[in-house]
Amino acid sequence: MRDKIAVPLVAIAVLALLLAWLLWYWQPAPMDPQAAHRQLGLAAEPTGGDFELQSWQGPVGLADLRGKVVLIYFGYTWCPDICPTNLALIALALQSLTPAEREAVRILFVSVDPERDTPDRLKTYAGYFAPEILGVTGDEAAVARVASLYGASYQRSEQSDSAMGYAVDHSAYTYVVDTQGRLVETLEHATPAERIVEVIRGYLPTP
């Protein structure tokens, strides 16, 4: 009976986090449908690979996370819809893991908007979803290199009639890296939390 009650409560908690994010970060979207945020496809076939970017804690390299299952997602903190959806689903999936399982998982939120997304801003943003989510960024060249490894696409879209100034259209895949640092799966946008849990558990070390 407790399990049946716990699941709705977790969902409510995640939705509350998403609402808090919207109230804090959301800017009015432009009315022009041509200026709306667009989800892009893959720029190339993902190959994966090591990289190093900056977080509020300092440099973070994928190689530093060996032994953990790592989910990598490319987005930005001003994203009005796609990023909050995916991150909320990832956060919901994490809630379904045991404490030991959560300790063996990390999520890297790679900003494709290094001009506005400072490490401190990324820290605040990621904190709305889950402590296992770490926001990372770098200069434009560094971000472009990492995106090329994972086939992520993004492009700036000017929105002079919006308070945002510009948006960044981007692909919305979640990349799953196993404990050996190998790219093993690519999840579609809005993959259900139950499926994310299944994938994560499939790559966790057996006790």
N, C-alpha and C. Protein backbone atom coordinates (compact mmCIF):
# COMPACT_ATOMS: atom_id res chain seq x y z
N MET A 1 0.83 -1.20 0.00
CA MET A 1 0.00 0.00 0.00
C MET A 1 0.86 1.25 0.00
N ARG A 2 1.95 1.21 0.79
CA ARG A 2 2.84 2.37 0.85
C ARG A 2 3.45 2.66 -0.51
N ASP A 3 3.82 1.60 -1.26
CA ASP A 3 4.42 1.79 -2.58
C ASP A 3 3.44 2.47 -3.51
N LYS A 4 2.15 2.10 -3.42
CA LYS A 4 1.15 2.70 -4.30
C LYS A 4 0.99 4.19 -4.01
N ILE A 5 1.14 4.55 -2.74
CA ILE A 5 1.03 5.95 -2.36
C ILE A 5 2.29 6.72 -2.74
N ALA A 6 3.45 6.07 -2.62
CA ALA A 6 4.73 6.75 -2.84
C ALA A 6 4.89 7.20 -4.27
N VAL A 7 4.44 6.40 -5.24
CA VAL A 7 4.64 6.76 -6.65
C VAL A 7 3.97 8.08 -7.01
N PRO A 8 2.64 8.27 -6.67
CA PRO A 8 2.04 9.57 -6.96
C PRO A 8 2.72 10.72 -6.24
N LEU A 9 3.17 10.47 -5.01
CA LEU A 9 3.83 11.54 -4.26
C LEU A 9 5.13 11.96 -4.93
N VAL A 10 5.88 11.00 -5.46
CA VAL A 10 7.12 11.32 -6.18
C VAL A 10 6.80 12.14 -7.41
N ALA A 11 5.76 11.73 -8.15
CA ALA A 11 5.38 12.46 -9.36
C ALA A 11 4.99 13.89 -9.03
N ILE A 12 4.24 14.06 -7.93
CA ILE A 12 3.83 15.41 -7.52
C ILE A 12 5.04 16.25 -7.16
N ALA A 13 6.02 15.64 -6.49
CA ALA A 13 7.22 16.38 -6.10
C ALA A 13 7.99 16.85 -7.32
N VAL A 14 8.11 15.98 -8.33
CA VAL A 14 8.84 16.35 -9.54
C VAL A 14 8.10 17.46 -10.28
N LEU A 15 6.77 17.35 -10.35
CA LEU A 15 5.99 18.40 -11.01
C LEU A 15 6.13 19.73 -10.27
N ALA A 16 6.22 19.67 -8.95
CA ALA A 16 6.41 20.89 -8.17
C ALA A 16 7.75 21.53 -8.49
N LEU A 17 8.79 20.71 -8.66
CA LEU A 17 10.11 21.23 -9.05
C LEU A 17 10.04 21.90 -10.40
N LEU A 18 9.33 21.27 -11.34
CA LEU A 18 9.20 21.84 -12.67
C LEU A 18 8.46 23.16 -12.61
N LEU A 19 7.41 23.24 -11.81
CA LEU A 19 6.66 24.48 -11.67
C LEU A 19 7.54 25.57 -11.08
N ALA A 20 8.36 25.21 -10.09
CA ALA A 20 9.27 26.20 -9.50
C ALA A 20 10.24 26.73 -10.54
N TRP A 21 10.73 25.83 -11.40
CA TRP A 21 11.64 26.27 -12.47
C TRP A 21 10.94 27.24 -13.40
N LEU A 22 9.71 26.91 -13.79
CA LEU A 22 8.98 27.78 -14.71
C LEU A 22 8.76 29.17 -14.12
N LEU A 23 8.41 29.21 -12.84
CA LEU A 23 8.17 30.50 -12.19
C LEU A 23 9.43 31.34 -12.10
N TRP A 24 10.59 30.66 -11.95
CA TRP A 24 11.85 31.39 -11.77
C TRP A 24 12.49 31.80 -13.09
N TYR A 25 12.48 30.90 -14.07
CA TYR A 25 13.24 31.12 -15.30
C TYR A 25 12.42 31.50 -16.52
N TRP A 26 11.18 31.14 -16.56
CA TRP A 26 10.42 31.27 -17.79
C TRP A 26 10.30 32.71 -18.24
N GLN A 27 10.48 32.91 -19.52
CA GLN A 27 10.28 34.20 -20.15
C GLN A 27 9.16 34.04 -21.18
N PRO A 28 8.36 35.10 -21.42
CA PRO A 28 7.26 34.97 -22.38
C PRO A 28 7.78 34.54 -23.74
N ALA A 29 7.16 33.53 -24.31
CA ALA A 29 7.56 33.03 -25.62
C ALA A 29 7.05 33.96 -26.70
N PRO A 30 7.77 34.12 -27.81
CA PRO A 30 7.32 34.97 -28.89
C PRO A 30 6.06 34.42 -29.53
N MET A 31 5.20 35.31 -29.99
CA MET A 31 3.95 34.90 -30.60
C MET A 31 4.14 34.45 -32.03
N ASP A 32 5.21 34.92 -32.66
CA ASP A 32 5.48 34.55 -34.04
C ASP A 32 5.81 33.07 -34.12
N PRO A 33 4.98 32.24 -34.80
CA PRO A 33 5.25 30.80 -34.85
C PRO A 33 6.57 30.48 -35.52
N GLN A 34 7.08 31.37 -36.37
CA GLN A 34 8.36 31.11 -37.02
C GLN A 34 9.52 31.21 -36.04
N ALA A 35 9.27 31.89 -34.90
CA ALA A 35 10.33 32.09 -33.91
C ALA A 35 10.26 31.07 -32.78
N ALA A 36 9.32 30.15 -32.85
CA ALA A 36 9.14 29.19 -31.77
C ALA A 36 10.36 28.27 -31.64
N HIS A 37 10.53 27.74 -30.44
CA HIS A 37 11.65 26.85 -30.17
C HIS A 37 11.48 25.57 -30.98
N ARG A 38 12.55 25.12 -31.64
CA ARG A 38 12.49 23.93 -32.48
C ARG A 38 13.42 22.85 -31.96
N GLN A 39 12.95 21.62 -32.05
CA GLN A 39 13.79 20.47 -31.71
C GLN A 39 14.49 19.99 -32.97
N LEU A 40 15.80 19.90 -32.92
CA LEU A 40 16.59 19.47 -34.08
C LEU A 40 16.90 17.98 -33.99
N GLY A 41 17.25 17.40 -35.13
CA GLY A 41 17.67 16.00 -35.17
C GLY A 41 19.16 15.89 -34.91
N LEU A 42 19.67 14.69 -34.97
CA LEU A 42 21.11 14.48 -34.79
C LEU A 42 21.89 15.10 -35.94
N ALA A 43 23.03 15.68 -35.61
CA ALA A 43 23.89 16.26 -36.64
C ALA A 43 24.70 15.17 -37.33
N ALA A 44 24.99 14.11 -36.61
CA ALA A 44 25.78 12.99 -37.14
C ALA A 44 25.57 11.78 -36.24
N GLU A 45 26.04 10.64 -36.69
CA GLU A 45 25.94 9.44 -35.87
C GLU A 45 26.81 9.59 -34.62
N PRO A 46 26.24 9.43 -33.42
CA PRO A 46 27.04 9.59 -32.20
C PRO A 46 28.12 8.52 -32.08
N THR A 47 29.29 8.95 -31.69
CA THR A 47 30.38 8.00 -31.44
C THR A 47 30.79 7.98 -29.98
N GLY A 48 30.56 9.09 -29.28
CA GLY A 48 30.96 9.18 -27.89
C GLY A 48 32.44 9.46 -27.75
N GLY A 49 32.91 9.55 -26.53
CA GLY A 49 34.31 9.82 -26.28
C GLY A 49 34.50 10.72 -25.08
N ASP A 50 35.72 10.75 -24.57
CA ASP A 50 36.03 11.55 -23.39
C ASP A 50 36.04 13.04 -23.72
N PHE A 51 35.76 13.82 -22.70
CA PHE A 51 35.82 15.27 -22.83
C PHE A 51 35.95 15.87 -21.43
N GLU A 52 36.27 17.15 -21.40
CA GLU A 52 36.35 17.88 -20.13
C GLU A 52 35.72 19.24 -20.30
N LEU A 53 34.81 19.59 -19.39
CA LEU A 53 34.17 20.90 -19.39
C LEU A 53 34.20 21.45 -17.97
N GLN A 54 33.65 22.65 -17.80
CA GLN A 54 33.71 23.32 -16.50
C GLN A 54 32.36 23.26 -15.79
N SER A 55 32.41 23.00 -14.49
CA SER A 55 31.22 23.07 -13.64
C SER A 55 31.49 24.06 -12.51
N TRP A 56 30.52 24.27 -11.65
CA TRP A 56 30.74 25.17 -10.52
C TRP A 56 31.78 24.61 -9.56
N GLN A 57 32.02 23.30 -9.65
CA GLN A 57 33.02 22.66 -8.80
C GLN A 57 34.41 22.68 -9.42
N GLY A 58 34.51 23.12 -10.67
CA GLY A 58 35.77 23.10 -11.39
C GLY A 58 35.69 22.18 -12.59
N PRO A 59 36.83 21.81 -13.17
CA PRO A 59 36.82 20.95 -14.36
C PRO A 59 36.19 19.58 -14.06
N VAL A 60 35.41 19.11 -15.02
CA VAL A 60 34.79 17.79 -14.92
C VAL A 60 35.06 17.04 -16.22
N GLY A 61 35.68 15.89 -16.11
CA GLY A 61 35.93 15.06 -17.28
C GLY A 61 35.10 13.80 -17.24
N LEU A 62 34.68 13.33 -18.40
CA LEU A 62 33.94 12.08 -18.43
C LEU A 62 34.78 10.95 -17.84
N ALA A 63 36.08 11.00 -18.06
CA ALA A 63 36.96 9.96 -17.52
C ALA A 63 36.95 9.95 -15.99
N ASP A 64 36.63 11.10 -15.37
CA ASP A 64 36.57 11.17 -13.91
C ASP A 64 35.40 10.36 -13.35
N LEU A 65 34.45 10.02 -14.21
CA LEU A 65 33.23 9.36 -13.77
C LEU A 65 33.21 7.86 -14.09
N ARG A 66 34.39 7.31 -14.38
CA ARG A 66 34.47 5.87 -14.62
C ARG A 66 33.92 5.12 -13.41
N GLY A 67 33.20 4.05 -13.67
CA GLY A 67 32.59 3.29 -12.60
C GLY A 67 31.15 3.68 -12.35
N LYS A 68 30.71 4.78 -12.97
CA LYS A 68 29.33 5.23 -12.85
C LYS A 68 28.65 5.18 -14.21
N VAL A 69 27.34 5.00 -14.19
CA VAL A 69 26.55 5.17 -15.41
C VAL A 69 26.28 6.66 -15.57
N VAL A 70 26.59 7.20 -16.73
CA VAL A 70 26.46 8.64 -16.96
C VAL A 70 25.44 8.89 -18.07
N LEU A 71 24.50 9.78 -17.79
CA LEU A 71 23.56 10.25 -18.80
C LEU A 71 23.99 11.65 -19.20
N ILE A 72 24.09 11.90 -20.50
CA ILE A 72 24.52 13.20 -21.01
C ILE A 72 23.38 13.81 -21.80
N TYR A 73 23.06 15.06 -21.46
CA TYR A 73 21.98 15.76 -22.17
C TYR A 73 22.46 17.16 -22.54
N PHE A 74 22.21 17.56 -23.78
CA PHE A 74 22.60 18.89 -24.27
C PHE A 74 21.38 19.81 -24.27
N GLY A 75 21.53 20.98 -23.66
CA GLY A 75 20.42 21.93 -23.62
C GLY A 75 20.90 23.26 -23.08
N TYR A 76 20.00 24.04 -22.53
CA TYR A 76 20.40 25.32 -21.94
C TYR A 76 19.33 25.79 -20.97
N THR A 77 19.70 26.65 -20.04
CA THR A 77 18.81 26.99 -18.93
C THR A 77 17.64 27.87 -19.35
N TRP A 78 17.74 28.54 -20.48
CA TRP A 78 16.65 29.39 -20.96
C TRP A 78 15.65 28.60 -21.79
N CYS A 79 15.87 27.33 -21.98
CA CYS A 79 14.99 26.49 -22.79
C CYS A 79 13.59 26.48 -22.17
N PRO A 80 12.56 26.83 -22.94
CA PRO A 80 11.22 26.96 -22.36
C PRO A 80 10.45 25.66 -22.20
N ASP A 81 10.85 24.60 -22.87
CA ASP A 81 9.98 23.43 -22.86
C ASP A 81 10.73 22.09 -22.94
N ILE A 82 11.59 21.93 -23.93
CA ILE A 82 12.20 20.63 -24.19
C ILE A 82 13.10 20.19 -23.04
N CYS A 83 13.97 21.07 -22.59
CA CYS A 83 14.90 20.70 -21.50
C CYS A 83 14.18 20.39 -20.19
N PRO A 84 13.24 21.24 -19.75
CA PRO A 84 12.54 20.91 -18.50
C PRO A 84 11.81 19.57 -18.57
N THR A 85 11.25 19.26 -19.73
CA THR A 85 10.55 17.98 -19.88
C THR A 85 11.50 16.81 -19.68
N ASN A 86 12.62 16.82 -20.38
CA ASN A 86 13.57 15.71 -20.28
C ASN A 86 14.20 15.62 -18.90
N LEU A 87 14.60 16.74 -18.35
CA LEU A 87 15.24 16.71 -17.03
C LEU A 87 14.27 16.29 -15.94
N ALA A 88 13.00 16.68 -16.06
CA ALA A 88 12.00 16.24 -15.08
C ALA A 88 11.80 14.73 -15.15
N LEU A 89 11.81 14.17 -16.35
CA LEU A 89 11.67 12.72 -16.50
C LEU A 89 12.89 11.98 -15.95
N ILE A 90 14.07 12.54 -16.18
CA ILE A 90 15.28 11.94 -15.61
C ILE A 90 15.23 12.00 -14.08
N ALA A 91 14.80 13.14 -13.55
CA ALA A 91 14.69 13.28 -12.09
C ALA A 91 13.68 12.28 -11.52
N LEU A 92 12.58 12.08 -12.23
CA LEU A 92 11.58 11.11 -11.78
C LEU A 92 12.17 9.70 -11.80
N ALA A 93 12.96 9.40 -12.82
CA ALA A 93 13.61 8.09 -12.89
C ALA A 93 14.56 7.89 -11.71
N LEU A 94 15.31 8.92 -11.38
CA LEU A 94 16.25 8.81 -10.26
C LEU A 94 15.53 8.52 -8.95
N GLN A 95 14.33 9.09 -8.80
CA GLN A 95 13.55 8.85 -7.58
C GLN A 95 13.18 7.39 -7.41
N SER A 96 13.16 6.65 -8.51
CA SER A 96 12.78 5.23 -8.46
C SER A 96 13.97 4.32 -8.15
N LEU A 97 15.17 4.87 -8.13
CA LEU A 97 16.36 4.08 -7.83
C LEU A 97 16.60 4.02 -6.33
N THR A 98 17.31 3.00 -5.90
CA THR A 98 17.70 2.91 -4.49
C THR A 98 18.83 3.92 -4.24
N PRO A 99 19.09 4.28 -2.98
CA PRO A 99 20.20 5.19 -2.70
C PRO A 99 21.53 4.70 -3.27
N ALA A 100 21.78 3.41 -3.18
CA ALA A 100 23.04 2.86 -3.71
C ALA A 100 23.09 3.00 -5.23
N GLU A 101 21.96 2.77 -5.88
CA GLU A 101 21.91 2.91 -7.34
C GLU A 101 22.12 4.37 -7.74
N ARG A 102 21.50 5.28 -7.04
CA ARG A 102 21.65 6.71 -7.36
C ARG A 102 23.10 7.16 -7.21
N GLU A 103 23.79 6.61 -6.24
CA GLU A 103 25.19 6.97 -6.03
C GLU A 103 26.04 6.54 -7.22
N ALA A 104 25.58 5.55 -7.96
CA ALA A 104 26.35 5.02 -9.09
C ALA A 104 25.94 5.66 -10.42
N VAL A 105 25.16 6.74 -10.34
CA VAL A 105 24.66 7.41 -11.56
C VAL A 105 25.00 8.90 -11.49
N ARG A 106 25.39 9.47 -12.63
CA ARG A 106 25.57 10.92 -12.74
C ARG A 106 24.95 11.38 -14.06
N ILE A 107 24.42 12.59 -14.03
CA ILE A 107 23.86 13.19 -15.24
C ILE A 107 24.64 14.46 -15.53
N LEU A 108 25.14 14.58 -16.74
CA LEU A 108 25.83 15.80 -17.18
C LEU A 108 24.91 16.58 -18.10
N PHE A 109 24.57 17.78 -17.68
CA PHE A 109 23.75 18.68 -18.49
C PHE A 109 24.71 19.65 -19.18
N VAL A 110 24.95 19.42 -20.47
CA VAL A 110 25.92 20.21 -21.22
C VAL A 110 25.22 21.41 -21.85
N SER A 111 25.61 22.61 -21.45
CA SER A 111 24.97 23.80 -21.99
C SER A 111 25.47 24.12 -23.40
N VAL A 112 24.52 24.35 -24.31
CA VAL A 112 24.86 24.79 -25.67
C VAL A 112 24.70 26.30 -25.79
N ASP A 113 24.64 26.97 -24.64
CA ASP A 113 24.52 28.44 -24.61
C ASP A 113 25.57 28.99 -23.65
N PRO A 114 26.86 28.82 -23.99
CA PRO A 114 27.91 29.24 -23.06
C PRO A 114 27.94 30.75 -22.81
N GLU A 115 27.33 31.51 -23.70
CA GLU A 115 27.31 32.97 -23.52
C GLU A 115 26.52 33.37 -22.28
N ARG A 116 25.43 32.67 -21.99
CA ARG A 116 24.58 33.02 -20.85
C ARG A 116 24.68 32.05 -19.69
N ASP A 117 24.98 30.80 -19.98
CA ASP A 117 24.97 29.78 -18.93
C ASP A 117 26.33 29.68 -18.24
N THR A 118 26.47 30.42 -17.16
CA THR A 118 27.68 30.33 -16.35
C THR A 118 27.60 29.07 -15.48
N PRO A 119 28.72 28.61 -14.96
CA PRO A 119 28.68 27.45 -14.06
C PRO A 119 27.74 27.65 -12.86
N ASP A 120 27.72 28.86 -12.30
CA ASP A 120 26.84 29.11 -11.16
C ASP A 120 25.37 29.06 -11.56
N ARG A 121 25.05 29.60 -12.72
CA ARG A 121 23.66 29.54 -13.18
C ARG A 121 23.25 28.09 -13.44
N LEU A 122 24.15 27.32 -14.01
CA LEU A 122 23.87 25.91 -14.26
C LEU A 122 23.67 25.14 -12.95
N LYS A 123 24.43 25.49 -11.94
CA LYS A 123 24.27 24.85 -10.63
C LYS A 123 22.86 25.09 -10.09
N THR A 124 22.41 26.34 -10.14
CA THR A 124 21.08 26.67 -9.65
C THR A 124 20.01 25.94 -10.44
N TYR A 125 20.15 25.96 -11.74
CA TYR A 125 19.16 25.34 -12.62
C TYR A 125 19.07 23.83 -12.38
N ALA A 126 20.21 23.16 -12.39
CA ALA A 126 20.22 21.71 -12.19
C ALA A 126 19.66 21.33 -10.82
N GLY A 127 19.89 22.21 -9.84
CA GLY A 127 19.42 21.93 -8.49
C GLY A 127 17.92 21.83 -8.37
N TYR A 128 17.19 22.40 -9.31
CA TYR A 128 15.74 22.29 -9.29
C TYR A 128 15.27 20.88 -9.60
N PHE A 129 16.11 20.08 -10.20
CA PHE A 129 15.69 18.76 -10.66
C PHE A 129 16.23 17.63 -9.78
N ALA A 130 17.54 17.53 -9.64
CA ALA A 130 18.11 16.44 -8.84
C ALA A 130 19.57 16.74 -8.53
N PRO A 131 20.06 16.33 -7.36
CA PRO A 131 21.46 16.59 -7.00
C PRO A 131 22.46 15.84 -7.87
N GLU A 132 22.01 14.78 -8.54
CA GLU A 132 22.92 14.02 -9.41
C GLU A 132 23.15 14.70 -10.75
N ILE A 133 22.41 15.76 -11.04
CA ILE A 133 22.57 16.47 -12.31
C ILE A 133 23.60 17.58 -12.14
N LEU A 134 24.64 17.54 -12.95
CA LEU A 134 25.71 18.52 -12.88
C LEU A 134 25.76 19.30 -14.20
N GLY A 135 25.58 20.60 -14.12
CA GLY A 135 25.65 21.44 -15.31
C GLY A 135 27.09 21.75 -15.67
N VAL A 136 27.44 21.58 -16.94
CA VAL A 136 28.80 21.84 -17.40
C VAL A 136 28.77 22.68 -18.67
N THR A 137 29.82 23.44 -18.88
CA THR A 137 29.91 24.31 -20.05
C THR A 137 31.38 24.56 -20.37
N GLY A 138 31.61 25.38 -21.35
CA GLY A 138 32.97 25.72 -21.77
C GLY A 138 32.89 26.83 -22.80
N ASP A 139 34.01 27.14 -23.44
CA ASP A 139 33.92 28.13 -24.51
C ASP A 139 33.24 27.48 -25.71
N GLU A 140 32.96 28.30 -26.73
CA GLU A 140 32.19 27.79 -27.87
C GLU A 140 32.88 26.62 -28.55
N ALA A 141 34.20 26.69 -28.67
CA ALA A 141 34.94 25.61 -29.33
C ALA A 141 34.86 24.31 -28.53
N ALA A 142 34.96 24.42 -27.21
CA ALA A 142 34.92 23.22 -26.37
C ALA A 142 33.55 22.56 -26.43
N VAL A 143 32.49 23.38 -26.37
CA VAL A 143 31.13 22.83 -26.44
C VAL A 143 30.89 22.19 -27.79
N ALA A 144 31.35 22.84 -28.86
CA ALA A 144 31.17 22.30 -30.21
C ALA A 144 31.87 20.95 -30.37
N ARG A 145 33.04 20.82 -29.77
CA ARG A 145 33.77 19.55 -29.86
C ARG A 145 33.00 18.43 -29.18
N VAL A 146 32.49 18.70 -27.99
CA VAL A 146 31.74 17.67 -27.27
C VAL A 146 30.47 17.31 -28.04
N ALA A 147 29.79 18.32 -28.55
CA ALA A 147 28.57 18.07 -29.33
C ALA A 147 28.87 17.19 -30.54
N SER A 148 30.01 17.41 -31.18
CA SER A 148 30.36 16.61 -32.36
C SER A 148 30.58 15.14 -32.01
N LEU A 149 31.10 14.89 -30.81
CA LEU A 149 31.32 13.50 -30.38
C LEU A 149 30.00 12.74 -30.24
N TYR A 150 28.97 13.47 -29.85
CA TYR A 150 27.69 12.81 -29.57
C TYR A 150 26.62 13.13 -30.61
N GLY A 151 27.01 13.76 -31.70
CA GLY A 151 26.07 14.03 -32.78
C GLY A 151 25.01 15.06 -32.42
N ALA A 152 25.22 15.80 -31.34
CA ALA A 152 24.23 16.79 -30.92
C ALA A 152 24.26 18.00 -31.84
N SER A 153 23.10 18.51 -32.18
CA SER A 153 23.03 19.69 -33.04
C SER A 153 22.39 20.85 -32.28
N TYR A 154 22.81 22.04 -32.61
CA TYR A 154 22.21 23.24 -32.00
C TYR A 154 22.52 24.44 -32.88
N GLN A 155 21.63 25.42 -32.84
CA GLN A 155 21.86 26.65 -33.59
C GLN A 155 21.11 27.80 -32.93
N ARG A 156 21.73 28.94 -32.94
CA ARG A 156 21.15 30.13 -32.32
C ARG A 156 20.06 30.69 -33.21
N SER A 157 18.95 31.08 -32.59
CA SER A 157 17.81 31.65 -33.31
C SER A 157 17.48 33.01 -32.69
N GLU A 158 17.76 34.08 -33.43
CA GLU A 158 17.52 35.43 -32.91
C GLU A 158 16.03 35.67 -32.71
N GLN A 159 15.70 36.30 -31.58
CA GLN A 159 14.31 36.63 -31.25
C GLN A 159 14.26 38.04 -30.69
N SER A 160 14.39 39.00 -31.58
CA SER A 160 14.49 40.40 -31.17
C SER A 160 13.23 40.91 -30.49
N ASP A 161 12.09 40.25 -30.75
CA ASP A 161 10.83 40.69 -30.14
C ASP A 161 10.54 39.96 -28.83
N SER A 162 11.50 39.18 -28.34
CA SER A 162 11.32 38.44 -27.10
C SER A 162 12.29 38.94 -26.04
N ALA A 163 11.87 38.84 -24.78
CA ALA A 163 12.75 39.23 -23.68
C ALA A 163 13.99 38.35 -23.61
N MET A 164 13.93 37.16 -24.19
CA MET A 164 15.07 36.25 -24.19
C MET A 164 16.20 36.77 -25.07
N GLY A 165 15.88 37.53 -26.12
CA GLY A 165 16.90 38.00 -27.05
C GLY A 165 17.19 36.99 -28.13
N TYR A 166 17.45 35.77 -27.72
CA TYR A 166 17.65 34.69 -28.68
C TYR A 166 17.35 33.36 -28.00
N ALA A 167 17.03 32.37 -28.80
CA ALA A 167 16.85 31.00 -28.33
C ALA A 167 17.94 30.14 -28.95
N VAL A 168 18.08 28.94 -28.47
CA VAL A 168 19.01 27.99 -29.07
C VAL A 168 18.22 26.72 -29.40
N ASP A 169 17.93 26.55 -30.67
CA ASP A 169 17.28 25.31 -31.10
C ASP A 169 18.29 24.17 -30.98
N HIS A 170 17.86 23.03 -30.50
CA HIS A 170 18.84 21.96 -30.28
C HIS A 170 18.17 20.59 -30.34
N SER A 171 18.99 19.57 -30.54
CA SER A 171 18.50 18.20 -30.48
C SER A 171 18.21 17.86 -29.02
N ALA A 172 17.46 16.80 -28.81
CA ALA A 172 16.97 16.52 -27.46
C ALA A 172 17.14 15.06 -27.07
N TYR A 173 18.28 14.51 -27.39
CA TYR A 173 18.55 13.11 -27.06
C TYR A 173 19.31 13.02 -25.73
N THR A 174 19.12 11.92 -25.04
CA THR A 174 19.88 11.63 -23.84
C THR A 174 20.82 10.47 -24.15
N TYR A 175 22.10 10.70 -23.91
CA TYR A 175 23.13 9.71 -24.24
C TYR A 175 23.52 8.93 -22.99
N VAL A 176 23.51 7.62 -23.10
CA VAL A 176 23.82 6.76 -21.96
C VAL A 176 25.23 6.21 -22.12
N VAL A 177 26.07 6.48 -21.13
CA VAL A 177 27.47 6.03 -21.13
C VAL A 177 27.64 5.02 -20.01
N ASP A 178 28.23 3.88 -20.32
CA ASP A 178 28.35 2.84 -19.30
C ASP A 178 29.53 3.11 -18.36
N THR A 179 29.75 2.20 -17.43
CA THR A 179 30.76 2.41 -16.39
C THR A 179 32.19 2.42 -16.94
N GLN A 180 32.36 1.98 -18.18
CA GLN A 180 33.67 2.00 -18.83
C GLN A 180 33.86 3.22 -19.73
N GLY A 181 32.88 4.11 -19.72
CA GLY A 181 32.99 5.33 -20.53
C GLY A 181 32.55 5.17 -21.97
N ARG A 182 31.85 4.09 -22.28
CA ARG A 182 31.43 3.83 -23.66
C ARG A 182 29.99 4.28 -23.88
N LEU A 183 29.75 4.96 -24.99
CA LEU A 183 28.38 5.31 -25.36
C LEU A 183 27.64 4.03 -25.75
N VAL A 184 26.56 3.73 -25.04
CA VAL A 184 25.88 2.44 -25.26
C VAL A 184 24.44 2.60 -25.75
N GLU A 185 23.81 3.73 -25.45
CA GLU A 185 22.43 3.94 -25.92
C GLU A 185 22.18 5.42 -26.12
N THR A 186 21.22 5.71 -27.01
CA THR A 186 20.76 7.08 -27.24
C THR A 186 19.25 7.07 -27.07
N LEU A 187 18.75 7.81 -26.09
CA LEU A 187 17.33 7.84 -25.79
C LEU A 187 16.66 9.02 -26.46
N GLU A 188 15.45 8.79 -26.96
CA GLU A 188 14.68 9.83 -27.63
C GLU A 188 14.18 10.88 -26.63
N HIS A 189 13.78 12.02 -27.17
CA HIS A 189 13.14 13.07 -26.37
C HIS A 189 11.91 12.50 -25.65
N ALA A 190 11.75 12.88 -24.38
CA ALA A 190 10.59 12.50 -23.57
C ALA A 190 10.47 10.99 -23.38
N THR A 191 11.61 10.32 -23.31
CA THR A 191 11.58 8.90 -22.96
C THR A 191 10.96 8.75 -21.56
N PRO A 192 9.98 7.86 -21.39
CA PRO A 192 9.32 7.72 -20.08
C PRO A 192 10.31 7.38 -18.97
N ALA A 193 10.00 7.84 -17.77
CA ALA A 193 10.88 7.60 -16.63
C ALA A 193 11.09 6.11 -16.39
N GLU A 194 10.04 5.32 -16.59
CA GLU A 194 10.16 3.87 -16.38
C GLU A 194 11.21 3.26 -17.30
N ARG A 195 11.26 3.74 -18.53
CA ARG A 195 12.24 3.23 -19.49
C ARG A 195 13.65 3.69 -19.10
N ILE A 196 13.78 4.92 -18.63
CA ILE A 196 15.08 5.41 -18.20
C ILE A 196 15.62 4.56 -17.04
N VAL A 197 14.74 4.24 -16.10
CA VAL A 197 15.14 3.38 -14.97
C VAL A 197 15.63 2.03 -15.48
N GLU A 198 14.89 1.46 -16.41
CA GLU A 198 15.26 0.15 -16.97
C GLU A 198 16.64 0.21 -17.63
N VAL A 199 16.89 1.27 -18.39
CA VAL A 199 18.17 1.40 -19.08
C VAL A 199 19.31 1.57 -18.07
N ILE A 200 19.12 2.44 -17.10
CA ILE A 200 20.16 2.67 -16.10
C ILE A 200 20.51 1.37 -15.38
N ARG A 201 19.50 0.66 -14.94
CA ARG A 201 19.75 -0.58 -14.19
C ARG A 201 20.43 -1.64 -15.05
N GLY A 202 20.21 -1.56 -16.35
CA GLY A 202 20.84 -2.52 -17.24
C GLY A 202 22.35 -2.37 -17.33
N TYR A 203 22.86 -1.19 -16.92
CA TYR A 203 24.31 -0.95 -17.01
C TYR A 203 24.98 -0.76 -15.66
N LEU A 204 24.21 -0.80 -14.58
CA LEU A 204 24.81 -0.70 -13.26
C LEU A 204 25.58 -1.97 -12.93
N PRO A 205 26.69 -1.84 -12.22
CA PRO A 205 27.44 -3.04 -11.81
C PRO A 205 26.58 -3.92 -10.91
N THR A 206 26.70 -5.21 -11.08
CA THR A 206 25.96 -6.13 -10.21
C THR A 206 26.67 -6.21 -8.86
N PRO A 207 25.90 -6.21 -7.77
CA PRO A 207 26.51 -6.25 -6.43
C PRO A 207 27.36 -7.49 -6.24
